[in-house]
């Protein structure tokens, strides 16, 4: 069954994020990202591939694709009641009861999805000094309409201090030889970390580059 906000929060391995004192740096943001990722991964969910929790909420489409072979479809608000069109299509009381049951489950899943996002936003806005994220806040609603993805993207876009030399080194890292004596997940982590690093440095890898890097890493392992 979908979890309520307090149940979600209880699952977080990082109920308090490591504070970033002063202007954020890439190292501080990288740690914050990892802590948020671990929190969202800890939430049991059948969405996406069914093994990554709600990690989608804190990662880009490109990074998520290196972690899961199954595309994650963001949940849409099902509203408080089934649509009139769907209700009109019900040919019996049983069909209508089934529709209401499915809709009730959809509502609870959406509430869980949104609660996880709101809790993550709260943790980030507590860990980062307001002056560095205030441009995202609304005068009347604060950060209520801001998502975890939007906060993390803003911080990386504005404060990731990654230079050209580091980006060049990252090109080598992503295709570094894979050690076949280690779990294959080691390679996926190597690739996903390099992809996230490139995005933070405003130098995204293309899908072709990511695939080629994986092939190179495996081929070089012998």
Protein backbone atom coordinates (compact mmCIF):
# COMPACT_ATOMS: atom_id res chain seq x y z
CA UNK A 1 0.00 0.00 0.00
CA UNK A 2 1.18 3.57 -0.66
CA UNK A 3 2.91 5.26 2.27
CA UNK A 4 1.96 8.43 4.11
CA UNK A 5 4.42 11.30 4.61
CA UNK A 6 5.50 10.23 8.11
CA UNK A 7 6.10 6.66 6.94
CA UNK A 8 8.19 7.91 4.02
CA UNK A 9 10.25 10.15 6.27
CA UNK A 10 10.92 7.24 8.63
CA UNK A 11 12.52 5.32 5.75
CA UNK A 12 15.00 8.06 4.87
CA UNK A 13 18.56 6.99 5.78
CA UNK A 14 19.45 10.70 5.73
CA UNK A 15 16.64 12.45 7.65
CA UNK A 16 18.94 15.49 7.88
CA UNK A 17 21.20 16.44 4.98
CA UNK A 18 24.79 17.58 5.46
CA UNK A 19 24.50 21.40 5.63
CA UNK A 20 26.17 23.50 2.95
CA UNK A 21 27.68 26.51 4.69
CA UNK A 22 28.12 29.53 2.46
CA UNK A 23 28.10 29.40 -1.34
CA UNK A 24 27.58 25.85 -2.62
CA UNK A 25 30.42 24.04 -4.39
CA UNK A 26 30.35 20.96 -6.59
CA UNK A 27 31.67 18.77 -3.79
CA UNK A 28 28.99 19.94 -1.38
CA UNK A 29 26.27 19.57 -4.01
CA UNK A 30 27.51 16.11 -4.97
CA UNK A 31 27.18 14.94 -1.35
CA UNK A 32 23.73 16.54 -1.09
CA UNK A 33 22.66 14.78 -4.31
CA UNK A 34 23.88 11.41 -3.05
CA UNK A 35 22.05 11.82 0.26
CA UNK A 36 18.81 12.77 -1.47
CA UNK A 37 19.23 9.87 -3.93
CA UNK A 38 19.63 7.38 -1.08
CA UNK A 39 16.51 8.74 0.62
CA UNK A 40 14.33 8.44 -2.46
CA UNK A 41 15.75 5.03 -3.39
CA UNK A 42 14.70 3.74 0.04
CA UNK A 43 10.98 4.18 -0.72
CA UNK A 44 9.44 0.90 -1.94
CA UNK A 45 7.79 1.52 -5.31
CA UNK A 46 6.72 -0.48 -8.35
CA UNK A 47 7.09 2.57 -10.57
CA UNK A 48 9.81 2.54 -13.21
CA UNK A 49 11.84 -0.66 -12.99
CA UNK A 50 10.46 -1.38 -9.52
CA UNK A 51 13.87 -1.52 -7.78
CA UNK A 52 14.96 2.13 -7.63
CA UNK A 53 12.23 3.51 -5.41
CA UNK A 54 11.39 7.09 -6.32
CA UNK A 55 14.92 7.97 -7.43
CA UNK A 56 13.38 9.57 -10.52
CA UNK A 57 12.40 12.56 -8.40
CA UNK A 58 16.03 13.59 -7.91
CA UNK A 59 17.73 12.58 -11.16
CA UNK A 60 17.65 13.80 -14.74
CA UNK A 61 16.22 11.68 -17.55
CA UNK A 62 19.75 10.97 -18.83
CA UNK A 63 21.12 9.88 -15.45
CA UNK A 64 18.07 7.75 -14.66
CA UNK A 65 18.49 5.95 -17.99
CA UNK A 66 21.96 4.80 -16.90
CA UNK A 67 20.49 3.32 -13.72
CA UNK A 68 17.28 1.74 -15.01
CA UNK A 69 16.45 0.04 -18.29
CA UNK A 70 12.78 0.85 -17.70
CA UNK A 71 11.54 4.35 -18.48
CA UNK A 72 9.92 6.11 -15.54
CA UNK A 73 6.58 7.71 -16.31
CA UNK A 74 5.93 10.65 -13.96
CA UNK A 75 2.58 10.41 -12.19
CA UNK A 76 -0.17 12.79 -13.22
CA UNK A 77 -2.69 14.14 -10.73
CA UNK A 78 -5.73 11.79 -10.91
CA UNK A 79 -7.93 14.44 -9.27
CA UNK A 80 -10.35 13.72 -6.44
CA UNK A 81 -12.91 11.70 -8.43
CA UNK A 82 -12.90 9.55 -11.59
CA UNK A 83 -13.66 11.41 -14.80
CA UNK A 84 -17.28 11.68 -15.91
CA UNK A 85 -16.35 9.92 -19.17
CA UNK A 86 -14.99 6.89 -17.30
CA UNK A 87 -17.99 6.77 -14.99
CA UNK A 88 -20.39 6.91 -17.94
CA UNK A 89 -18.62 3.95 -19.53
CA UNK A 90 -19.33 1.71 -16.55
CA UNK A 91 -21.98 -0.84 -17.50
CA UNK A 92 -22.64 -2.26 -14.06
CA UNK A 93 -22.34 -1.58 -10.35
CA UNK A 94 -19.34 -3.91 -10.21
CA UNK A 95 -17.58 -2.02 -13.00
CA UNK A 96 -18.21 1.26 -11.22
CA UNK A 97 -16.90 -0.16 -7.92
CA UNK A 98 -13.76 -1.38 -9.71
CA UNK A 99 -13.24 2.03 -11.30
CA UNK A 100 -13.54 3.77 -7.92
CA UNK A 101 -11.11 1.31 -6.33
CA UNK A 102 -8.53 1.88 -9.09
CA UNK A 103 -8.97 5.62 -8.82
CA UNK A 104 -8.56 5.55 -5.03
CA UNK A 105 -5.29 3.64 -5.43
CA UNK A 106 -4.11 6.12 -8.08
CA UNK A 107 -4.84 9.01 -5.71
CA UNK A 108 -2.88 7.39 -2.88
CA UNK A 109 0.08 6.63 -5.16
CA UNK A 110 0.10 10.23 -6.35
CA UNK A 111 -0.05 11.50 -2.77
CA UNK A 112 2.92 9.27 -1.89
CA UNK A 113 4.83 10.50 -4.94
CA UNK A 114 4.19 14.14 -4.07
CA UNK A 115 4.92 13.64 -0.36
CA UNK A 116 8.35 12.19 -1.19
CA UNK A 117 9.07 15.18 -3.40
CA UNK A 118 7.88 17.73 -0.83
CA UNK A 119 9.92 16.11 1.96
CA UNK A 120 13.01 16.20 -0.26
CA UNK A 121 12.47 19.86 -1.09
CA UNK A 122 12.14 20.62 2.63
CA UNK A 123 15.43 18.84 3.38
CA UNK A 124 17.27 20.73 0.62
CA UNK A 125 15.90 24.13 1.60
CA UNK A 126 17.02 23.43 5.17
CA UNK A 127 20.51 22.32 4.12
CA UNK A 128 21.20 25.22 1.73
CA UNK A 129 21.20 28.86 2.78
CA UNK A 130 18.12 30.61 1.42
CA UNK A 131 20.05 33.31 -0.45
CA UNK A 132 21.32 30.69 -2.92
CA UNK A 133 17.88 29.31 -3.82
CA UNK A 134 15.54 32.23 -3.11
CA UNK A 135 15.15 33.03 -6.81
CA UNK A 136 13.02 29.88 -7.12
CA UNK A 137 10.64 30.81 -4.31
CA UNK A 138 7.25 32.38 -4.85
CA UNK A 139 6.41 35.51 -2.91
CA UNK A 140 3.24 33.95 -1.52
CA UNK A 141 3.79 30.17 -1.55
CA UNK A 142 7.53 29.91 -0.97
CA UNK A 143 8.92 26.63 -2.33
CA UNK A 144 5.52 24.90 -2.46
CA UNK A 145 5.52 24.77 -6.26
CA UNK A 146 9.22 23.87 -6.64
CA UNK A 147 10.27 20.26 -7.25
CA UNK A 148 13.35 18.41 -6.04
CA UNK A 149 14.62 18.21 -9.64
CA UNK A 150 14.23 21.96 -10.11
CA UNK A 151 16.10 22.77 -6.91
CA UNK A 152 19.00 20.45 -7.70
CA UNK A 153 19.22 21.66 -11.30
CA UNK A 154 19.27 25.29 -10.17
CA UNK A 155 22.05 24.62 -7.65
CA UNK A 156 24.16 22.72 -10.16
CA UNK A 157 23.59 25.28 -12.91
CA UNK A 158 24.58 28.17 -10.68
CA UNK A 159 27.23 26.81 -8.35
CA UNK A 160 28.96 23.71 -9.73
CA UNK A 161 32.55 24.92 -10.05
CA UNK A 162 33.74 22.32 -12.58
CA UNK A 163 36.50 23.35 -14.97
CA UNK A 164 37.56 22.09 -18.41
CA UNK A 165 40.37 19.97 -16.99
CA UNK A 166 37.92 18.11 -14.75
CA UNK A 167 35.54 17.56 -17.65
CA UNK A 168 38.39 16.16 -19.74
CA UNK A 169 39.31 13.78 -16.93
CA UNK A 170 35.68 12.73 -16.71
CA UNK A 171 35.78 11.68 -20.37
CA UNK A 172 38.44 9.14 -19.37
CA UNK A 173 36.62 8.06 -16.22
CA UNK A 174 33.37 7.12 -17.93
CA UNK A 175 35.10 4.59 -20.18
CA UNK A 176 37.67 3.32 -17.66
CA UNK A 177 38.19 -0.48 -17.85
CA UNK A 178 35.65 -2.52 -15.91
CA UNK A 179 37.02 -5.08 -13.45
CA UNK A 180 35.12 -8.32 -14.18
CA UNK A 181 35.87 -9.50 -10.65
CA UNK A 182 33.52 -6.85 -9.29
CA UNK A 183 29.70 -6.74 -9.55
CA UNK A 184 28.39 -5.30 -12.83
CA UNK A 185 26.70 -2.60 -10.74
CA UNK A 186 30.19 -1.14 -10.27
CA UNK A 187 30.27 -0.28 -13.96
CA UNK A 188 26.76 1.21 -13.92
CA UNK A 189 27.74 3.39 -10.95
CA UNK A 190 30.91 4.50 -12.75
CA UNK A 191 28.88 5.52 -15.79
CA UNK A 192 25.99 7.17 -13.93
CA UNK A 193 28.41 9.18 -11.75
CA UNK A 194 30.31 10.36 -14.84
CA UNK A 195 27.06 11.31 -16.60
CA UNK A 196 25.89 13.29 -13.56
CA UNK A 197 29.30 15.00 -13.31
CA UNK A 198 29.15 16.03 -16.98
CA UNK A 199 25.65 17.45 -16.53
CA UNK A 200 26.76 19.43 -13.50
CA UNK A 201 29.57 20.85 -15.63
CA UNK A 202 27.14 21.84 -18.42
CA UNK A 203 28.67 19.29 -20.79
CA UNK A 204 26.10 16.53 -21.22
CA UNK A 205 27.00 13.19 -22.79
CA UNK A 206 24.85 12.04 -25.70
CA UNK A 207 23.16 8.63 -25.57
CA UNK A 208 25.68 7.43 -28.15
CA UNK A 209 28.62 8.59 -26.04
CA UNK A 210 27.24 6.78 -22.98
CA UNK A 211 26.72 3.55 -24.93
CA UNK A 212 30.20 3.76 -26.46
CA UNK A 213 31.72 4.35 -23.03
CA UNK A 214 30.03 1.23 -21.67
CA UNK A 215 31.29 -0.84 -24.60
CA UNK A 216 34.81 0.59 -24.18
CA UNK A 217 34.84 -0.14 -20.45
CA UNK A 218 33.79 -3.77 -20.95
CA UNK A 219 36.07 -4.34 -23.96
CA UNK A 220 39.10 -2.93 -22.14
CA UNK A 221 38.54 -5.32 -19.24
CA UNK A 222 39.62 -8.23 -21.44
